[in-house]
Protein backbone atom coordinates (compact mmCIF):
# COMPACT_ATOMS: atom_id res chain seq x y z
CA MET A 1 0.00 0.00 0.00
CA ASN A 2 1.21 3.50 -0.85
CA ASN A 3 0.21 7.07 -0.15
CA PRO A 4 -2.53 8.05 -2.65
CA PHE A 5 -0.79 11.36 -3.49
CA GLU A 6 2.99 11.07 -3.03
CA PHE A 7 3.30 14.84 -3.48
CA ASN A 8 6.64 16.62 -3.63
CA THR A 9 7.59 19.40 -1.22
CA GLU A 10 6.36 22.23 -3.44
CA GLU A 11 2.96 20.59 -3.85
CA ILE A 12 2.71 20.02 -0.11
CA LEU A 13 3.54 23.65 0.65
CA HIS A 14 0.60 24.66 -1.54
CA GLU A 15 -1.68 22.36 0.48
CA VAL A 16 -0.32 23.78 3.74
CA LYS A 17 -1.35 27.31 2.74
CA GLU A 18 -4.84 26.13 1.85
CA ILE A 19 -5.13 24.26 5.14
CA ARG A 20 -4.16 27.37 7.08
CA LYS A 21 -6.63 29.53 5.16
CA ASN A 22 -9.46 27.10 5.82
CA VAL A 23 -8.54 26.80 9.51
CA LEU A 24 -8.90 30.54 9.92
CA LYS A 25 -12.18 30.65 8.00
CA MET A 26 -13.57 27.71 9.96
CA ASN A 27 -12.61 29.04 13.39
CA HIS A 28 -13.82 32.53 12.48
CA GLY A 29 -17.18 31.15 11.38
CA ALA A 30 -17.58 28.99 14.47
CA GLY A 31 -16.52 31.77 16.83
CA GLN A 32 -14.07 29.50 18.61
CA GLY A 33 -11.23 27.09 17.97
CA HIS A 34 -7.61 26.41 18.86
CA THR A 35 -6.14 28.59 16.15
CA GLY A 36 -2.51 28.59 17.31
CA ALA A 37 -2.29 24.81 17.54
CA ASP A 38 -4.13 24.31 14.24
CA LEU A 39 -1.62 26.49 12.42
CA SER A 40 1.53 25.08 14.01
CA GLU A 41 0.73 21.49 13.01
CA ALA A 42 -0.29 22.13 9.38
CA ASP A 43 3.07 21.25 7.81
CA ILE A 44 3.23 17.99 9.76
CA LEU A 45 -0.31 16.94 8.85
CA ALA A 46 0.10 17.82 5.18
CA SER A 47 3.38 15.90 4.98
CA LEU A 48 1.68 12.86 6.47
CA TYR A 49 -1.51 12.84 4.40
CA PHE A 50 0.01 13.92 1.08
CA ARG A 51 3.23 11.90 1.20
CA LEU A 52 4.03 9.65 4.16
CA LEU A 53 0.92 7.83 5.39
CA ARG A 54 -0.06 4.68 3.52
CA TYR A 55 -3.84 4.51 3.22
CA THR A 56 -6.67 4.24 0.71
CA LYS A 57 -9.52 6.70 0.29
CA GLU A 58 -11.89 3.85 -0.54
CA ASN A 59 -11.30 1.75 2.59
CA PRO A 60 -10.51 3.84 5.68
CA ARG A 61 -10.32 0.70 7.86
CA ASP A 62 -8.02 -1.34 5.64
CA PRO A 63 -6.05 -3.52 8.09
CA GLN A 64 -2.81 -2.78 6.20
CA ARG A 65 -3.16 1.01 6.53
CA ASP A 66 -0.83 3.17 8.58
CA ARG A 67 -2.49 4.55 11.70
CA PHE A 68 -2.46 8.23 12.67
CA ILE A 69 -3.52 9.45 16.11
CA LEU A 70 -3.97 13.16 16.81
CA SER A 71 -3.27 12.98 20.53
CA LYS A 72 -3.39 16.79 20.79
CA GLY A 73 -7.08 16.57 20.03
CA HIS A 74 -7.68 20.29 20.50
CA GLY A 75 -5.80 20.73 17.20
CA VAL A 76 -8.67 19.06 15.38
CA GLY A 77 -9.33 22.10 13.19
CA GLY A 78 -6.05 21.61 11.36
CA PHE A 79 -6.82 17.91 11.10
CA TYR A 80 -10.27 18.47 9.57
CA CYS A 81 -8.91 20.96 7.05
CA THR A 82 -6.17 18.50 6.07
CA LEU A 83 -8.75 15.77 5.50
CA MET A 84 -10.79 18.18 3.38
CA GLN A 85 -7.78 19.05 1.21
CA ALA A 86 -7.09 15.33 0.76
CA GLY A 87 -10.69 14.65 -0.31
CA LEU A 88 -11.38 12.56 2.78
CA LEU A 89 -13.95 14.97 4.19
CA ASP A 90 -16.56 17.08 2.40
CA LYS A 91 -15.44 20.72 2.17
CA ASN A 92 -19.07 21.79 2.37
CA LEU A 93 -18.94 20.83 6.04
CA LEU A 94 -16.51 23.66 6.80
CA GLY A 95 -19.28 25.96 8.02
CA THR A 96 -20.73 23.32 10.37
CA TYR A 97 -17.71 23.15 12.70
CA LEU A 98 -18.85 22.86 16.34
CA GLU A 99 -22.56 22.97 15.49
CA PHE A 100 -24.86 20.62 17.40
CA ASP A 101 -24.55 17.05 16.08
CA SER A 102 -22.07 18.22 13.43
CA LYS A 103 -19.67 15.79 11.80
CA LEU A 104 -16.99 18.25 12.92
CA PRO A 105 -17.02 18.24 16.74
CA GLY A 106 -14.42 20.11 18.79
CA HIS A 107 -12.23 17.04 19.26
CA PRO A 108 -11.73 13.96 17.04
CA VAL A 109 -14.59 11.46 17.35
CA ARG A 110 -14.22 8.11 15.61
CA GLN A 111 -17.99 7.62 15.33
CA LYS A 112 -18.26 10.83 13.29
CA ASN A 113 -15.46 10.23 10.79
CA ASP A 114 -14.02 7.04 9.32
CA PHE A 115 -10.56 8.59 9.13
CA VAL A 116 -10.39 9.20 12.88
CA GLU A 117 -8.63 6.27 14.53
CA VAL A 118 -9.20 7.26 18.16
CA ASN A 119 -11.30 9.72 20.14
CA THR A 120 -8.85 12.17 21.71
CA GLY A 121 -8.85 15.40 23.63
CA ALA A 122 -8.01 14.25 27.13
CA LEU A 123 -4.28 14.82 26.82
CA GLY A 124 -1.87 11.96 27.34
CA HIS A 125 -4.09 9.25 25.88
CA GLY A 126 -2.95 9.12 22.25
CA LEU A 127 0.57 7.78 22.75
CA PRO A 128 -0.47 4.90 25.05
CA ILE A 129 -3.12 3.86 22.53
CA GLY A 130 -0.58 4.14 19.73
CA VAL A 131 1.76 1.86 21.66
CA GLY A 132 -1.02 -0.70 21.88
CA MET A 133 -1.62 -0.48 18.13
CA ALA A 134 2.09 -0.90 17.42
CA ILE A 135 2.22 -3.98 19.66
CA ALA A 136 -0.81 -5.39 17.81
CA ALA A 137 0.95 -4.91 14.46
CA LYS A 138 3.98 -6.83 15.71
CA LYS A 139 1.86 -9.66 17.08
CA GLN A 140 -0.17 -9.95 13.87
CA ASN A 141 2.89 -9.68 11.60
CA LEU A 142 1.48 -6.61 9.86
CA ASP A 143 3.86 -3.96 8.56
CA TYR A 144 1.78 -0.85 9.18
CA LYS A 145 3.29 2.07 11.06
CA VAL A 146 1.66 4.00 13.87
CA TYR A 147 2.11 7.79 13.88
CA VAL A 148 1.17 9.77 16.98
CA LEU A 149 1.21 13.58 17.10
CA THR A 150 1.33 15.04 20.60
CA GLY A 151 1.64 18.59 21.83
CA ASP A 152 4.57 19.63 23.99
CA GLY A 153 2.53 20.85 26.96
CA GLU A 154 0.87 17.45 26.76
CA LEU A 155 4.17 15.87 27.84
CA GLN A 156 3.45 17.09 31.35
CA GLU A 157 1.05 14.12 31.49
CA GLY A 158 2.86 11.14 33.01
CA SER A 159 1.03 8.62 30.83
CA ASN A 160 3.24 9.63 27.90
CA TRP A 161 6.36 8.58 29.77
CA GLU A 162 4.82 5.27 30.82
CA ALA A 163 3.99 4.68 27.15
CA ALA A 164 7.53 5.61 26.05
CA MET A 165 9.00 3.17 28.55
CA THR A 166 6.68 0.42 27.29
CA ALA A 167 7.43 1.20 23.63
CA SER A 168 11.17 0.82 24.11
CA HIS A 169 10.72 -2.37 26.17
CA TYR A 170 8.78 -3.98 23.32
CA LYS A 171 11.16 -2.61 20.67
CA LEU A 172 8.38 -0.87 18.76
CA ASP A 173 10.32 0.49 15.80
CA ASN A 174 6.99 0.75 13.95
CA LEU A 175 5.95 3.60 16.27
CA ILE A 176 6.70 7.17 15.14
CA TRP A 177 5.98 9.71 17.85
CA ILE A 178 6.00 13.32 16.62
CA ILE A 179 6.07 16.09 19.22
CA ASP A 180 4.75 19.48 18.11
CA ARG A 181 7.31 21.54 20.02
CA ASN A 182 5.86 25.04 19.67
CA ASN A 183 6.89 25.96 23.25
CA LEU A 184 3.43 27.19 24.23
CA GLN A 185 0.45 25.74 26.04
CA LEU A 186 -2.87 27.06 27.34
CA ALA A 187 -1.69 29.89 29.57
CA ASP A 188 1.99 30.51 28.90
CA PHE A 189 5.25 29.13 27.55
CA THR A 190 5.80 25.52 28.58
CA GLU A 191 9.05 26.26 30.39
CA ASN A 192 7.20 28.70 32.66
CA ILE A 193 4.54 26.13 33.58
CA VAL A 194 6.46 22.86 34.02
CA ALA A 195 9.83 22.82 32.26
CA LEU A 196 10.31 20.04 29.70
CA GLU A 197 13.93 20.50 28.67
CA PRO A 198 16.25 18.78 28.10
CA LEU A 199 13.67 16.82 26.13
CA GLY A 200 16.10 15.04 23.84
CA GLN A 201 18.08 13.57 26.73
CA LYS A 202 14.89 12.45 28.44
CA LEU A 203 13.55 10.73 25.33
CA GLU A 204 16.85 8.95 24.74
CA ALA A 205 16.94 7.87 28.38
CA PHE A 206 13.56 6.21 27.82
CA GLY A 207 15.03 4.19 24.95
CA MET A 208 13.72 6.20 22.01
CA GLU A 209 15.58 6.90 18.78
CA TYR A 210 15.57 10.68 19.04
CA LEU A 211 15.56 13.08 16.08
CA GLU A 212 15.04 16.83 15.95
CA ILE A 213 13.68 18.70 12.93
CA ASN A 214 12.08 21.94 11.78
CA GLY A 215 8.42 20.97 12.06
CA ASN A 216 7.33 23.78 9.76
CA ASP A 217 9.48 22.49 6.89
CA PRO A 218 7.79 19.68 4.92
CA GLY A 219 11.07 18.85 3.20
CA ALA A 220 12.75 18.19 6.55
CA ILE A 221 9.75 16.25 7.84
CA ILE A 222 9.62 14.00 4.79
CA SER A 223 13.35 13.35 4.47
CA THR A 224 13.66 12.52 8.17
CA ILE A 225 10.75 10.11 8.31
CA GLU A 226 11.58 8.45 5.01
CA SER A 227 15.11 7.80 6.28
CA LEU A 228 13.93 5.91 9.38
CA ALA A 229 14.99 2.28 9.50
CA PRO A 230 13.86 -0.66 11.67
CA ASN A 231 16.38 -0.97 14.48
CA GLY A 232 14.37 -2.14 17.46
CA LYS A 233 13.83 1.41 18.76
CA PRO A 234 10.63 3.49 18.72
CA LYS A 235 11.10 6.86 17.05
CA ALA A 236 10.64 10.18 18.83
CA ILE A 237 10.78 13.20 16.52
CA LEU A 238 10.93 16.61 18.15
CA ALA A 239 9.36 18.88 15.54
CA ARG A 240 10.24 22.46 16.43
CA THR A 241 7.36 24.60 15.24
CA THR A 242 6.02 28.10 15.64
CA LYS A 243 2.62 28.30 17.26
CA GLY A 244 0.34 30.20 14.88
CA CYS A 245 2.80 29.65 12.03
CA GLY A 246 2.04 31.49 8.80
CA VAL A 247 0.28 34.53 10.25
CA SER A 248 2.62 37.15 11.71
CA PHE A 249 0.33 38.58 14.38
CA ILE A 250 -0.64 35.11 15.67
CA GLU A 251 2.83 33.58 15.81
CA ASN A 252 4.23 32.91 19.31
CA GLN A 253 1.35 34.67 21.04
CA PRO A 254 0.02 32.78 24.11
CA SER A 255 -3.33 34.59 23.78
CA TRP A 256 -4.01 32.76 20.51
CA HIS A 257 -4.24 29.31 22.09
CA HIS A 258 -8.05 29.46 22.00
CA LYS A 259 -8.82 32.64 20.12
CA VAL A 260 -10.31 33.28 16.69
CA PRO A 261 -9.76 36.14 14.24
CA THR A 262 -12.06 39.11 13.94
CA ASP A 263 -13.30 40.09 10.48
CA GLU A 264 -10.39 42.50 10.08
CA GLU A 265 -7.83 39.98 11.36
CA LEU A 266 -9.19 37.32 9.03
CA SER A 267 -8.75 39.66 6.07
CA ARG A 268 -5.16 40.44 7.10
CA ALA A 269 -4.36 36.76 7.59
CA MET A 270 -5.77 35.85 4.16
CA GLU A 271 -3.54 38.50 2.58
CA GLU A 272 -0.44 37.10 4.31
CA LEU A 273 -1.25 33.52 3.33
CA SER A 274 -1.90 34.52 -0.28
CA CYS A 275 1.61 35.91 -0.78
């Protein structure tokens, strides 16, 4: 099984801009949303769905498919807009985000969308579930990979470290854990809440194969993940991103964790993303 697109970097960058535009429109229309997180993860999600993940549009539950878990479930806006760009979700649903009984609830819900693997939102759950999926693949002799995207503030949840310890014990080299390291969480910078650094040393101490990349560079994301080899170690990729990436007045602003653009701000953002 292959990725249905296999886009190059230039093509993916085009999709990233469209994803960011739609995120802003969607959150503006709904009057709420996690705009900063949605924007920071766009390059990662586009690289996965347009190049790296092996899946079929026709059979979302194909047992051979790669699994993707959005553990940072509050970033679901970026996820929905990625699925729309990939033709896995109807773009006409954009204006229904967060409406009652919508197919686009505020966190990923498996029962609402066939391309959602796991209900997430309670932070610290995605990686443990991903570890279980990776163990299942090994036991069933299936070659699918399990990708888990967590936030960095999310790493203050101890369940992630229990999962990392388990992953290395079972030599889950089919597990690819991507950390959206944008340095911000709900109220402030992560290092002002509960310091995470030195993250690389901690991840290596838990038995992970540790890599660090620019998480807002699809070329770096793709080349790094495509170079991974089975070596008995789960992969931990620290993707250094900018929260609110792509829109100058949103970037690195703690206030934009759960804030949406005004009419004037939306217009300014669209101009920046159209350049």
